[in-house]
Amino acid sequence: MMAGQNAYREKAGYTGPVRWKGRLPVPSIREAGELAGVLADPHCTCTGPVYYMYRDVARSPADHQWLHEQDIRFDITIIPPRDLCGEWMKTKGHYHPESRSGTGYPEIYEVLEGEAHYLIQTRDCSDVVMIAATTGDIVVVPPGYGHVTINPSRTAVLQMANLVSSAFESNYLPYENLRGAVFYEMTSGTFVKNPLYPGRPRLRIVRAGHIAGVTDTVNDPLYDLVEQQAPVLGFLNHPEKYRALFSRIYL
């Protein structure tokens, strides 16, 4: 850890260690009140900060410049454990818009520490998948899927990195309008269907380490791909060229 980093983070509200070798910017902080509209309990009155988002991170000026030239952003998110009125701690949830080709922008995550449940869903809920991931696992959110990240632990902090196109803004409104994702993951170990979604969608559960389409394509830590200026990261802005990958990763 570089000198002065503890104070840098403490000022921003997070004082724990971060799995990152390099300086971090002041994080954006998500407050519990911002999640009130997407929780299973509409009367939940939790308060205080719930997770921390370090945006546009890079280890060197050269890496930062390359990322900007490619319209790619590298982020780190810290999600401490917490019970949200009977639900596991989670992110707010959002969709990505379509790229110029008409294919939605994807995103790629790496679990740096802890355990994560990535709950992804198509807009019509014809496909809803919970991807269970642990330290070192890589998870791709395919085009057209909204996603929520859940920390299913009472004690462990979830730390994750992501690479995503910087050419768009995420759309949180669909999740806000429907009070969250199609399922809520409760601390009791159950998934409860959100009654605002029609029908009876099926929830599939897969383990990230068993997804050959991802491990065959991206088998290095995410930041290694940045330092290597890996051509495969082109899928973040040109997903139409990687349809074969997306069509098989969560089958």
Protein backbone atom coordinates (compact mmCIF):
# COMPACT_ATOMS: atom_id res chain seq x y z
CA MET A 1 0.00 0.00 0.00
CA MET A 2 1.33 3.40 -0.92
CA ALA A 3 2.00 5.98 1.81
CA GLY A 4 -1.00 8.08 2.66
CA GLN A 5 -3.58 5.71 1.21
CA ASN A 6 -5.22 4.91 4.56
CA ALA A 7 -5.89 8.58 5.18
CA TYR A 8 -7.06 8.98 1.59
CA ARG A 9 -9.73 6.30 2.04
CA GLU A 10 -10.57 7.26 5.63
CA LYS A 11 -11.56 10.72 4.51
CA ALA A 12 -13.93 9.13 2.01
CA GLY A 13 -15.57 6.87 4.61
CA TYR A 14 -13.98 3.43 4.00
CA THR A 15 -11.01 2.49 6.18
CA GLY A 16 -10.54 -1.21 5.41
CA PRO A 17 -7.80 -2.66 3.20
CA VAL A 18 -8.38 -2.74 -0.56
CA ARG A 19 -6.92 -5.45 -2.84
CA TRP A 20 -5.17 -3.01 -5.09
CA LYS A 21 -1.52 -2.04 -5.61
CA GLY A 22 -1.69 1.64 -6.43
CA ARG A 23 -3.37 4.88 -5.57
CA LEU A 24 -7.15 5.01 -5.39
CA PRO A 25 -9.42 7.97 -6.08
CA VAL A 26 -12.04 9.10 -3.58
CA PRO A 27 -14.95 6.67 -4.03
CA SER A 28 -18.53 7.33 -4.90
CA ILE A 29 -20.60 6.13 -1.95
CA ARG A 30 -23.98 4.47 -2.21
CA GLU A 31 -26.19 5.23 0.79
CA ALA A 32 -28.78 2.84 2.20
CA GLY A 33 -31.52 5.35 1.47
CA GLU A 34 -30.73 5.06 -2.24
CA LEU A 35 -31.55 1.33 -2.06
CA ALA A 36 -34.86 1.80 -0.25
CA GLY A 37 -36.83 1.62 -3.51
CA VAL A 38 -35.33 -1.72 -4.58
CA LEU A 39 -35.57 -3.72 -1.36
CA ALA A 40 -37.95 -6.58 -0.59
CA ASP A 41 -39.19 -4.75 2.49
CA PRO A 42 -40.76 -1.47 1.30
CA HIS A 43 -40.72 -0.20 4.88
CA CYS A 44 -37.00 -0.80 5.48
CA THR A 45 -35.37 2.20 7.17
CA CYS A 46 -31.69 1.23 6.98
CA THR A 47 -29.32 4.19 6.89
CA GLY A 48 -25.64 4.92 6.31
CA PRO A 49 -23.17 4.01 3.56
CA VAL A 50 -23.58 0.56 2.02
CA TYR A 51 -20.92 0.25 -0.69
CA TYR A 52 -18.04 2.15 -2.25
CA MET A 53 -17.22 2.58 -5.96
CA TYR A 54 -13.72 3.60 -7.06
CA ARG A 55 -14.14 4.73 -10.66
CA ASP A 56 -11.62 5.06 -13.49
CA VAL A 57 -8.72 3.41 -11.67
CA ALA A 58 -5.27 2.85 -13.21
CA ARG A 59 -1.81 2.00 -11.90
CA SER A 60 0.12 4.25 -14.25
CA PRO A 61 -0.43 7.28 -16.48
CA ALA A 62 0.27 5.04 -19.49
CA ASP A 63 -2.44 2.57 -18.48
CA HIS A 64 -4.86 5.42 -17.81
CA GLN A 65 -4.23 6.88 -21.25
CA TRP A 66 -4.65 3.54 -22.99
CA LEU A 67 -7.92 2.87 -21.19
CA HIS A 68 -9.26 6.28 -22.20
CA GLU A 69 -8.18 5.78 -25.80
CA GLN A 70 -10.09 2.48 -25.84
CA ASP A 71 -13.19 3.96 -24.14
CA ILE A 72 -12.78 1.46 -21.30
CA ARG A 73 -13.00 2.06 -17.57
CA PHE A 74 -11.53 -0.06 -14.76
CA ASP A 75 -13.36 0.18 -11.43
CA ILE A 76 -13.15 -1.38 -7.97
CA THR A 77 -16.22 -1.81 -5.76
CA ILE A 78 -16.22 -2.64 -2.05
CA ILE A 79 -19.39 -4.17 -0.60
CA PRO A 80 -19.22 -4.77 3.17
CA PRO A 81 -21.53 -7.40 4.70
CA ARG A 82 -24.84 -6.20 6.05
CA ASP A 83 -28.43 -7.33 6.56
CA LEU A 84 -30.85 -5.06 4.70
CA CYS A 85 -34.07 -5.83 6.55
CA GLY A 86 -33.78 -9.54 5.80
CA GLU A 87 -31.96 -9.24 2.46
CA TRP A 88 -28.29 -9.69 1.73
CA MET A 89 -26.34 -6.55 0.93
CA LYS A 90 -26.61 -5.80 -2.79
CA THR A 91 -26.06 -3.16 -5.44
CA LYS A 92 -28.94 -1.15 -6.83
CA GLY A 93 -29.10 -2.88 -10.20
CA HIS A 94 -29.00 -1.48 -13.73
CA TYR A 95 -29.12 -2.21 -17.46
CA HIS A 96 -26.76 -1.09 -20.20
CA PRO A 97 -27.98 0.53 -23.41
CA GLU A 98 -27.32 -0.81 -26.88
CA SER A 99 -24.09 0.01 -28.69
CA ARG A 100 -24.09 1.59 -32.15
CA SER A 101 -24.33 -1.88 -33.65
CA GLY A 102 -27.63 -2.50 -31.85
CA THR A 103 -26.07 -5.01 -29.45
CA GLY A 104 -26.10 -4.15 -25.76
CA TYR A 105 -22.89 -3.28 -23.97
CA PRO A 106 -21.50 -6.14 -21.82
CA GLU A 107 -19.44 -5.91 -18.65
CA ILE A 108 -16.81 -8.14 -17.04
CA TYR A 109 -16.17 -8.65 -13.33
CA GLU A 110 -13.46 -10.26 -11.22
CA VAL A 111 -13.94 -11.17 -7.58
CA LEU A 112 -10.85 -9.86 -5.81
CA GLU A 113 -11.88 -11.10 -2.37
CA GLY A 114 -14.93 -12.69 -0.84
CA GLU A 115 -17.98 -14.23 -2.45
CA ALA A 116 -20.39 -12.68 -4.93
CA HIS A 117 -23.75 -13.62 -6.38
CA TYR A 118 -24.36 -11.90 -9.72
CA LEU A 119 -28.09 -11.89 -10.41
CA ILE A 120 -28.57 -11.19 -14.12
CA GLN A 121 -31.82 -10.99 -16.07
CA THR A 122 -33.12 -10.15 -19.52
CA ARG A 123 -35.69 -7.35 -19.69
CA ASP A 124 -38.54 -9.77 -20.34
CA CYS A 125 -37.22 -12.15 -17.65
CA SER A 126 -37.10 -15.01 -20.15
CA ASP A 127 -33.67 -15.77 -18.69
CA VAL A 128 -32.74 -15.14 -15.05
CA VAL A 129 -29.41 -16.47 -13.78
CA MET A 130 -27.64 -16.30 -10.44
CA ILE A 131 -23.90 -16.71 -10.96
CA ALA A 132 -22.04 -17.73 -7.80
CA ALA A 133 -18.45 -16.51 -7.82
CA THR A 134 -15.53 -16.58 -5.38
CA THR A 135 -12.07 -15.04 -5.19
CA GLY A 136 -10.37 -15.10 -8.60
CA ASP A 137 -13.48 -15.90 -10.60
CA ILE A 138 -14.32 -13.96 -13.77
CA VAL A 139 -17.95 -13.20 -14.63
CA VAL A 140 -19.22 -11.71 -17.88
CA VAL A 141 -22.56 -9.90 -17.97
CA PRO A 142 -23.76 -10.50 -21.56
CA PRO A 143 -25.45 -7.90 -23.77
CA GLY A 144 -29.08 -7.28 -22.89
CA TYR A 145 -28.88 -8.41 -19.26
CA GLY A 146 -29.49 -6.23 -16.24
CA HIS A 147 -27.50 -7.11 -13.15
CA VAL A 148 -27.37 -6.85 -9.39
CA THR A 149 -24.35 -7.89 -7.30
CA ILE A 150 -25.06 -9.50 -3.93
CA ASN A 151 -22.69 -10.10 -1.01
CA PRO A 152 -24.14 -13.29 0.55
CA SER A 153 -22.04 -13.13 3.74
CA ARG A 154 -22.56 -11.95 7.29
CA THR A 155 -18.85 -11.41 7.93
CA ALA A 156 -16.78 -11.09 4.74
CA VAL A 157 -16.26 -7.95 2.67
CA LEU A 158 -16.79 -8.43 -1.07
CA GLN A 159 -14.21 -6.69 -3.24
CA MET A 160 -14.56 -6.82 -7.00
CA ALA A 161 -13.10 -5.20 -10.08
CA ASN A 162 -14.84 -4.55 -13.36
CA LEU A 163 -14.03 -3.48 -16.89
CA VAL A 164 -16.74 -1.72 -18.86
CA SER A 165 -17.13 0.65 -21.78
CA SER A 166 -16.98 4.32 -20.81
CA ALA A 167 -19.13 5.27 -23.81
CA PHE A 168 -22.50 5.06 -22.03
CA GLU A 169 -24.40 5.73 -18.82
CA SER A 170 -26.06 2.89 -16.90
CA ASN A 171 -29.86 2.81 -16.70
CA TYR A 172 -31.16 2.30 -13.14
CA LEU A 173 -34.76 3.27 -13.88
CA PRO A 174 -36.15 -0.19 -14.76
CA TYR A 175 -35.00 -1.52 -11.38
CA GLU A 176 -36.36 1.52 -9.58
CA ASN A 177 -39.74 1.21 -11.31
CA LEU A 178 -40.11 -2.45 -10.35
CA ARG A 179 -38.61 -2.24 -6.87
CA GLY A 180 -35.49 -4.23 -7.74
CA ALA A 181 -34.67 -7.41 -9.60
CA VAL A 182 -37.11 -10.22 -10.34
CA PHE A 183 -35.84 -12.10 -7.27
CA TYR A 184 -34.68 -10.98 -3.83
CA GLU A 185 -32.00 -13.07 -2.11
CA MET A 186 -32.85 -13.25 1.58
CA THR A 187 -30.48 -13.87 4.49
CA SER A 188 -32.58 -16.96 5.28
CA GLY A 189 -31.08 -18.60 2.19
CA THR A 190 -34.19 -18.31 0.04
CA PHE A 191 -34.99 -16.42 -3.14
CA VAL A 192 -38.27 -14.52 -3.05
CA LYS A 193 -39.96 -13.49 -6.29
CA ASN A 194 -40.64 -9.79 -6.70
CA PRO A 195 -44.45 -9.56 -7.05
CA LEU A 196 -44.23 -6.59 -9.43
CA TYR A 197 -42.86 -8.83 -12.19
CA PRO A 198 -45.47 -10.79 -14.19
CA GLY A 199 -45.46 -14.52 -14.69
CA ARG A 200 -43.35 -17.15 -12.97
CA PRO A 201 -39.78 -16.79 -14.26
CA ARG A 202 -37.37 -19.60 -13.55
CA LEU A 203 -34.12 -18.91 -11.69
CA ARG A 204 -31.07 -20.80 -12.92
CA ILE A 205 -28.02 -21.07 -10.66
CA VAL A 206 -24.53 -21.61 -12.10
CA ARG A 207 -21.00 -21.43 -10.74
CA ALA A 208 -18.63 -18.98 -12.38
CA GLY A 209 -15.69 -21.37 -12.41
CA HIS A 210 -17.67 -23.87 -14.50
CA ILE A 211 -18.43 -21.49 -17.36
CA ALA A 212 -16.12 -22.65 -20.15
CA GLY A 213 -17.01 -19.84 -22.54
CA VAL A 214 -15.57 -17.31 -20.09
CA THR A 215 -12.56 -19.26 -18.84
CA ASP A 216 -11.56 -20.11 -22.41
CA THR A 217 -11.64 -16.44 -23.43
CA VAL A 218 -10.54 -14.51 -20.34
CA ASN A 219 -8.20 -16.50 -18.09
CA ASP A 220 -6.07 -13.73 -16.59
CA PRO A 221 -6.77 -11.24 -13.79
CA LEU A 222 -8.57 -8.25 -15.30
CA TYR A 223 -5.85 -5.72 -14.70
CA ASP A 224 -3.30 -8.00 -16.37
CA LEU A 225 -5.40 -7.62 -19.52
CA VAL A 226 -5.09 -3.84 -19.22
CA GLU A 227 -1.32 -3.99 -18.79
CA GLN A 228 -1.12 -6.38 -21.76
CA GLN A 229 -3.44 -4.11 -23.79
CA ALA A 230 -5.24 -7.33 -24.64
CA PRO A 231 -7.23 -7.25 -27.91
CA VAL A 232 -9.99 -9.38 -26.33
CA LEU A 233 -11.13 -6.30 -24.40
CA GLY A 234 -12.50 -5.02 -27.69
CA PHE A 235 -15.69 -6.94 -26.90
CA LEU A 236 -16.59 -4.22 -24.37
CA ASN A 237 -17.23 -1.68 -27.14
CA HIS A 238 -17.84 -4.02 -30.09
CA PRO A 239 -19.97 -6.83 -28.66
CA GLU A 240 -21.42 -7.63 -32.07
CA LYS A 241 -18.06 -9.21 -32.98
CA TYR A 242 -18.27 -11.65 -30.07
CA ARG A 243 -21.77 -13.08 -30.42
CA ALA A 244 -20.44 -16.64 -30.36
CA LEU A 245 -18.95 -16.05 -26.92
CA PHE A 246 -22.11 -14.53 -25.47
CA SER A 247 -24.36 -17.20 -26.95
CA ARG A 248 -22.71 -20.01 -25.02
CA ILE A 249 -21.44 -18.74 -21.68
CA TYR A 250 -24.55 -19.32 -19.54
CA LEU A 251 -26.31 -22.09 -21.41
